[in-house]
Amino acid sequence: MKFARDFFEDEVRNGYYVPGIMKRCWAASLEILLELDRICKKYDIPYYIDYGTLLGAKRNGG
């Protein structure tokens, strides 16, 4: 997954301060989700995302 260079900079998002380290954690979590998705598709394993941070990250694009 490719992220814009400025994605990892500190920012205020929806009134909340988001440090770059948190964004790096989000990026790592998304990479893990993509790998899980790849493996599940390869072996025809159904799965779903119910709730939580990764669902929001995927739905909202990071």
PDB file of N, CA and C in Angstrom:
ATOM      1  N   MET A   1       0.852  -1.163   0.000  1.00  0.00           N
ATOM      2  CA  MET A   1       0.000   0.000   0.000  1.00  0.00           C
ATOM      3  C   MET A   1       0.900   1.228   0.000  1.00  0.00           C
ATOM      4  N   LYS A   2       0.564   2.187  -0.834  1.00  0.00           N
ATOM      5  CA  LYS A   2       1.365   3.404  -0.921  1.00  0.00           C
ATOM      6  C   LYS A   2       0.617   4.550  -0.245  1.00  0.00           C
ATOM      7  N   PHE A   3       1.372   5.325   0.503  1.00  0.00           N
ATOM      8  CA  PHE A   3       0.828   6.483   1.200  1.00  0.00           C
ATOM      9  C   PHE A   3       1.534   7.729   0.694  1.00  0.00           C
ATOM     10  N   ALA A   4       0.802   8.818   0.619  1.00  0.00           N
ATOM     11  CA  ALA A   4       1.424  10.091   0.264  1.00  0.00           C
ATOM     12  C   ALA A   4       2.462  10.439   1.323  1.00  0.00           C
ATOM     13  N   ARG A   5       3.525  11.064   0.907  1.00  0.00           N
ATOM     14  CA  ARG A   5       4.610  11.389   1.831  1.00  0.00           C
ATOM     15  C   ARG A   5       4.108  12.196   3.029  1.00  0.00           C
ATOM     16  N   ASP A   6       3.202  13.126   2.809  1.00  0.00           N
ATOM     17  CA  ASP A   6       2.718  13.966   3.906  1.00  0.00           C
ATOM     18  C   ASP A   6       1.715  13.251   4.818  1.00  0.00           C
ATOM     19  N   PHE A   7       1.291  12.040   4.457  1.00  0.00           N
ATOM     20  CA  PHE A   7       0.361  11.295   5.304  1.00  0.00           C
ATOM     21  C   PHE A   7       0.928  11.091   6.702  1.00  0.00           C
ATOM     22  N   PHE A   8       2.230  10.899   6.819  1.00  0.00           N
ATOM     23  CA  PHE A   8       2.854  10.560   8.093  1.00  0.00           C
ATOM     24  C   PHE A   8       3.219  11.777   8.949  1.00  0.00           C
ATOM     25  N   GLU A   9       2.856  12.957   8.501  1.00  0.00           N
ATOM     26  CA  GLU A   9       3.119  14.164   9.285  1.00  0.00           C
ATOM     27  C   GLU A   9       2.039  14.344  10.353  1.00  0.00           C
ATOM     28  N   ASP A  10       2.423  14.991  11.463  1.00  0.00           N
ATOM     29  CA  ASP A  10       1.455  15.313  12.511  1.00  0.00           C
ATOM     30  C   ASP A  10       0.356  16.204  11.919  1.00  0.00           C
ATOM     31  N   GLU A  11      -0.856  16.053  12.440  1.00  0.00           N
ATOM     32  CA  GLU A  11      -1.948  16.915  11.983  1.00  0.00           C
ATOM     33  C   GLU A  11      -3.081  16.911  13.004  1.00  0.00           C
ATOM     34  N   VAL A  12      -4.006  17.814  12.815  1.00  0.00           N
ATOM     35  CA  VAL A  12      -5.245  17.821  13.589  1.00  0.00           C
ATOM     36  C   VAL A  12      -6.327  17.337  12.635  1.00  0.00           C
ATOM     37  N   ARG A  13      -7.016  16.267  13.035  1.00  0.00           N
ATOM     38  CA  ARG A  13      -8.043  15.644  12.195  1.00  0.00           C
ATOM     39  C   ARG A  13      -9.338  15.594  12.998  1.00  0.00           C
ATOM     40  N   ASN A  14     -10.382  16.216  12.483  1.00  0.00           N
ATOM     41  CA  ASN A  14     -11.681  16.253  13.173  1.00  0.00           C
ATOM     42  C   ASN A  14     -11.547  16.764  14.604  1.00  0.00           C
ATOM     43  N   GLY A  15     -10.659  17.732  14.801  1.00  0.00           N
ATOM     44  CA  GLY A  15     -10.479  18.330  16.116  1.00  0.00           C
ATOM     45  C   GLY A  15      -9.556  17.566  17.049  1.00  0.00           C
ATOM     46  N   TYR A  16      -8.953  16.479  16.579  1.00  0.00           N
ATOM     47  CA  TYR A  16      -8.056  15.666  17.409  1.00  0.00           C
ATOM     48  C   TYR A  16      -6.644  15.709  16.844  1.00  0.00           C
ATOM     49  N   TYR A  17      -5.679  15.876  17.724  1.00  0.00           N
ATOM     50  CA  TYR A  17      -4.276  15.851  17.324  1.00  0.00           C
ATOM     51  C   TYR A  17      -3.867  14.414  17.016  1.00  0.00           C
ATOM     52  N   VAL A  18      -3.296  14.198  15.844  1.00  0.00           N
ATOM     53  CA  VAL A  18      -2.848  12.862  15.429  1.00  0.00           C
ATOM     54  C   VAL A  18      -1.355  12.943  15.123  1.00  0.00           C
ATOM     55  N   PRO A  19      -0.515  12.365  15.996  1.00  0.00           N
ATOM     56  CA  PRO A  19       0.932  12.406  15.750  1.00  0.00           C
ATOM     57  C   PRO A  19       1.338  11.433  14.637  1.00  0.00           C
ATOM     58  N   GLY A  20       2.466  11.704  14.028  1.00  0.00           N
ATOM     59  CA  GLY A  20       2.973  10.856  12.955  1.00  0.00           C
ATOM     60  C   GLY A  20       3.168   9.412  13.372  1.00  0.00           C
ATOM     61  N   ILE A  21       3.571   9.176  14.611  1.00  0.00           N
ATOM     62  CA  ILE A  21       3.783   7.801  15.079  1.00  0.00           C
ATOM     63  C   ILE A  21       2.474   7.015  15.041  1.00  0.00           C
ATOM     64  N   MET A  22       1.361   7.659  15.348  1.00  0.00           N
ATOM     65  CA  MET A  22       0.063   6.989  15.279  1.00  0.00           C
ATOM     66  C   MET A  22      -0.267   6.629  13.837  1.00  0.00           C
ATOM     67  N   LYS A  23       0.055   7.521  12.924  1.00  0.00           N
ATOM     68  CA  LYS A  23      -0.199   7.245  11.515  1.00  0.00           C
ATOM     69  C   LYS A  23       0.664   6.091  11.015  1.00  0.00           C
ATOM     70  N   ARG A  24       1.873   5.974  11.520  1.00  0.00           N
ATOM     71  CA  ARG A  24       2.719   4.834  11.145  1.00  0.00           C
ATOM     72  C   ARG A  24       2.110   3.538  11.676  1.00  0.00           C
ATOM     73  N   CYS A  25       1.527   3.598  12.865  1.00  0.00           N
ATOM     74  CA  CYS A  25       0.827   2.418  13.410  1.00  0.00           C
ATOM     75  C   CYS A  25      -0.377   2.064  12.544  1.00  0.00           C
ATOM     76  N   TRP A  26      -1.136   3.060  12.123  1.00  0.00           N
ATOM     77  CA  TRP A  26      -2.273   2.812  11.240  1.00  0.00           C
ATOM     78  C   TRP A  26      -1.807   2.159   9.941  1.00  0.00           C
ATOM     79  N   ALA A  27      -0.726   2.682   9.375  1.00  0.00           N
ATOM     80  CA  ALA A  27      -0.213   2.136   8.119  1.00  0.00           C
ATOM     81  C   ALA A  27       0.197   0.678   8.293  1.00  0.00           C
ATOM     82  N   ALA A  28       0.865   0.364   9.398  1.00  0.00           N
ATOM     83  CA  ALA A  28       1.270  -1.021   9.662  1.00  0.00           C
ATOM     84  C   ALA A  28       0.041  -1.913   9.811  1.00  0.00           C
ATOM     85  N   SER A  29      -0.980  -1.428  10.487  1.00  0.00           N
ATOM     86  CA  SER A  29      -2.211  -2.204  10.661  1.00  0.00           C
ATOM     87  C   SER A  29      -2.891  -2.465   9.321  1.00  0.00           C
ATOM     88  N   LEU A  30      -2.901  -1.464   8.458  1.00  0.00           N
ATOM     89  CA  LEU A  30      -3.496  -1.648   7.134  1.00  0.00           C
ATOM     90  C   LEU A  30      -2.704  -2.648   6.302  1.00  0.00           C
ATOM     91  N   GLU A  31      -1.378  -2.611   6.418  1.00  0.00           N
ATOM     92  CA  GLU A  31      -0.543  -3.585   5.700  1.00  0.00           C
ATOM     93  C   GLU A  31      -0.867  -5.004   6.166  1.00  0.00           C
ATOM     94  N   ILE A  32      -1.042  -5.179   7.465  1.00  0.00           N
ATOM     95  CA  ILE A  32      -1.399  -6.498   8.010  1.00  0.00           C
ATOM     96  C   ILE A  32      -2.769  -6.927   7.491  1.00  0.00           C
ATOM     97  N   LEU A  33      -3.721  -5.997   7.473  1.00  0.00           N
ATOM     98  CA  LEU A  33      -5.053  -6.309   6.957  1.00  0.00           C
ATOM     99  C   LEU A  33      -4.989  -6.735   5.495  1.00  0.00           C
ATOM    100  N   LEU A  34      -4.198  -6.041   4.700  1.00  0.00           N
ATOM    101  CA  LEU A  34      -4.073  -6.404   3.291  1.00  0.00           C
ATOM    102  C   LEU A  34      -3.454  -7.788   3.119  1.00  0.00           C
ATOM    103  N   GLU A  35      -2.472  -8.118   3.946  1.00  0.00           N
ATOM    104  CA  GLU A  35      -1.856  -9.446   3.881  1.00  0.00           C
ATOM    105  C   GLU A  35      -2.858 -10.520   4.298  1.00  0.00           C
ATOM    106  N   LEU A  36      -3.614 -10.260   5.347  1.00  0.00           N
ATOM    107  CA  LEU A  36      -4.657 -11.195   5.771  1.00  0.00           C
ATOM    108  C   LEU A  36      -5.673 -11.404   4.645  1.00  0.00           C
ATOM    109  N   ASP A  37      -6.072 -10.328   4.000  1.00  0.00           N
ATOM    110  CA  ASP A  37      -7.007 -10.408   2.881  1.00  0.00           C
ATOM    111  C   ASP A  37      -6.423 -11.252   1.748  1.00  0.00           C
ATOM    112  N   ARG A  38      -5.164 -11.041   1.431  1.00  0.00           N
ATOM    113  CA  ARG A  38      -4.510 -11.800   0.360  1.00  0.00           C
ATOM    114  C   ARG A  38      -4.505 -13.295   0.668  1.00  0.00           C
ATOM    115  N   ILE A  39      -4.139 -13.648   1.894  1.00  0.00           N
ATOM    116  CA  ILE A  39      -4.071 -15.057   2.298  1.00  0.00           C
ATOM    117  C   ILE A  39      -5.458 -15.694   2.289  1.00  0.00           C
ATOM    118  N   CYS A  40      -6.438 -14.981   2.820  1.00  0.00           N
ATOM    119  CA  CYS A  40      -7.803 -15.527   2.854  1.00  0.00           C
ATOM    120  C   CYS A  40      -8.346 -15.746   1.444  1.00  0.00           C
ATOM    121  N   LYS A  41      -8.070 -14.832   0.539  1.00  0.00           N
ATOM    122  CA  LYS A  41      -8.509 -15.012  -0.844  1.00  0.00           C
ATOM    123  C   LYS A  41      -7.793 -16.192  -1.492  1.00  0.00           C
ATOM    124  N   LYS A  42      -6.503 -16.316  -1.237  1.00  0.00           N
ATOM    125  CA  LYS A  42      -5.713 -17.404  -1.821  1.00  0.00           C
ATOM    126  C   LYS A  42      -6.264 -18.769  -1.425  1.00  0.00           C
ATOM    127  N   TYR A  43      -6.652 -18.914  -0.171  1.00  0.00           N
ATOM    128  CA  TYR A  43      -7.132 -20.199   0.338  1.00  0.00           C
ATOM    129  C   TYR A  43      -8.654 -20.270   0.450  1.00  0.00           C
ATOM    130  N   ASP A  44      -9.326 -19.296  -0.164  1.00  0.00           N
ATOM    131  CA  ASP A  44     -10.792 -19.257  -0.189  1.00  0.00           C
ATOM    132  C   ASP A  44     -11.387 -19.345   1.223  1.00  0.00           C
ATOM    133  N   ILE A  45     -10.843 -18.527   2.112  1.00  0.00           N
ATOM    134  CA  ILE A  45     -11.310 -18.466   3.501  1.00  0.00           C
ATOM    135  C   ILE A  45     -12.173 -17.212   3.658  1.00  0.00           C
ATOM    136  N   PRO A  46     -13.456 -17.376   3.932  1.00  0.00           N
ATOM    137  CA  PRO A  46     -14.296 -16.191   4.129  1.00  0.00           C
ATOM    138  C   PRO A  46     -13.992 -15.517   5.471  1.00  0.00           C
ATOM    139  N   TYR A  47     -14.084 -14.213   5.486  1.00  0.00           N
ATOM    140  CA  TYR A  47     -13.914 -13.460   6.730  1.00  0.00           C
ATOM    141  C   TYR A  47     -14.681 -12.154   6.602  1.00  0.00           C
ATOM    142  N   TYR A  48     -14.881 -11.491   7.713  1.00  0.00           N
ATOM    143  CA  TYR A  48     -15.507 -10.182   7.683  1.00  0.00           C
ATOM    144  C   TYR A  48     -14.908  -9.325   8.788  1.00  0.00           C
ATOM    145  N   ILE A  49     -15.019  -8.038   8.595  1.00  0.00           N
ATOM    146  CA  ILE A  49     -14.572  -7.080   9.602  1.00  0.00           C
ATOM    147  C   ILE A  49     -15.826  -6.561  10.283  1.00  0.00           C
ATOM    148  N   ASP A  50     -15.884  -6.714  11.572  1.00  0.00           N
ATOM    149  CA  ASP A  50     -17.095  -6.382  12.316  1.00  0.00           C
ATOM    150  C   ASP A  50     -17.102  -4.932  12.790  1.00  0.00           C
ATOM    151  N   TYR A  51     -16.073  -4.521  13.466  1.00  0.00           N
ATOM    152  CA  TYR A  51     -16.025  -3.165  14.012  1.00  0.00           C
ATOM    153  C   TYR A  51     -14.586  -2.843  14.372  1.00  0.00           C
ATOM    154  N   GLY A  52     -14.334  -1.584  14.657  1.00  0.00           N
ATOM    155  CA  GLY A  52     -13.030  -1.217  15.173  1.00  0.00           C
ATOM    156  C   GLY A  52     -12.201  -0.366  14.232  1.00  0.00           C
ATOM    157  N   THR A  53     -10.987  -0.180  14.639  1.00  0.00           N
ATOM    158  CA  THR A  53     -10.070   0.741  13.990  1.00  0.00           C
ATOM    159  C   THR A  53      -9.793   0.386  12.539  1.00  0.00           C
ATOM    160  N   LEU A  54      -9.546  -0.879  12.238  1.00  0.00           N
ATOM    161  CA  LEU A  54      -9.217  -1.242  10.864  1.00  0.00           C
ATOM    162  C   LEU A  54     -10.391  -1.046   9.920  1.00  0.00           C
ATOM    163  N   LEU A  55     -11.600  -1.302  10.389  1.00  0.00           N
ATOM    164  CA  LEU A  55     -12.770  -1.064   9.547  1.00  0.00           C
ATOM    165  C   LEU A  55     -12.848   0.415   9.184  1.00  0.00           C
ATOM    166  N   GLY A  56     -12.707   1.281  10.167  1.00  0.00           N
ATOM    167  CA  GLY A  56     -12.748   2.717   9.908  1.00  0.00           C
ATOM    168  C   GLY A  56     -11.605   3.174   9.023  1.00  0.00           C
ATOM    169  N   ALA A  57     -10.426   2.614   9.251  1.00  0.00           N
ATOM    170  CA  ALA A  57      -9.268   2.983   8.440  1.00  0.00           C
ATOM    171  C   ALA A  57      -9.484   2.583   6.988  1.00  0.00           C
ATOM    172  N   LYS A  58      -9.985   1.393   6.773  1.00  0.00           N
ATOM    173  CA  LYS A  58     -10.241   0.930   5.406  1.00  0.00           C
ATOM    174  C   LYS A  58     -11.356   1.741   4.759  1.00  0.00           C
ATOM    175  N   ARG A  59     -12.431   1.940   5.480  1.00  0.00           N
ATOM    176  CA  ARG A  59     -13.585   2.653   4.936  1.00  0.00           C
ATOM    177  C   ARG A  59     -13.252   4.120   4.651  1.00  0.00           C
ATOM    178  N   ASN A  60     -12.464   4.742   5.511  1.00  0.00           N
ATOM    179  CA  ASN A  60     -12.165   6.166   5.378  1.00  0.00           C
ATOM    180  C   ASN A  60     -10.839   6.446   4.692  1.00  0.00           C
ATOM    181  N   GLY A  61     -10.159   5.407   4.234  1.00  0.00           N
ATOM    182  CA  GLY A  61      -8.930   5.594   3.470  1.00  0.00           C
ATOM    183  C   GLY A  61      -7.728   5.977   4.298  1.00  0.00           C
ATOM    184  N   GLY A  62      -7.662   5.495   5.513  1.00  0.00           N
ATOM    185  CA  GLY A  62      -6.486   5.736   6.348  1.00  0.00           C
ATOM    186  C   GLY A  62      -6.778   6.509   7.589  1.00  0.00           C
TER     187      GLY A  62
END
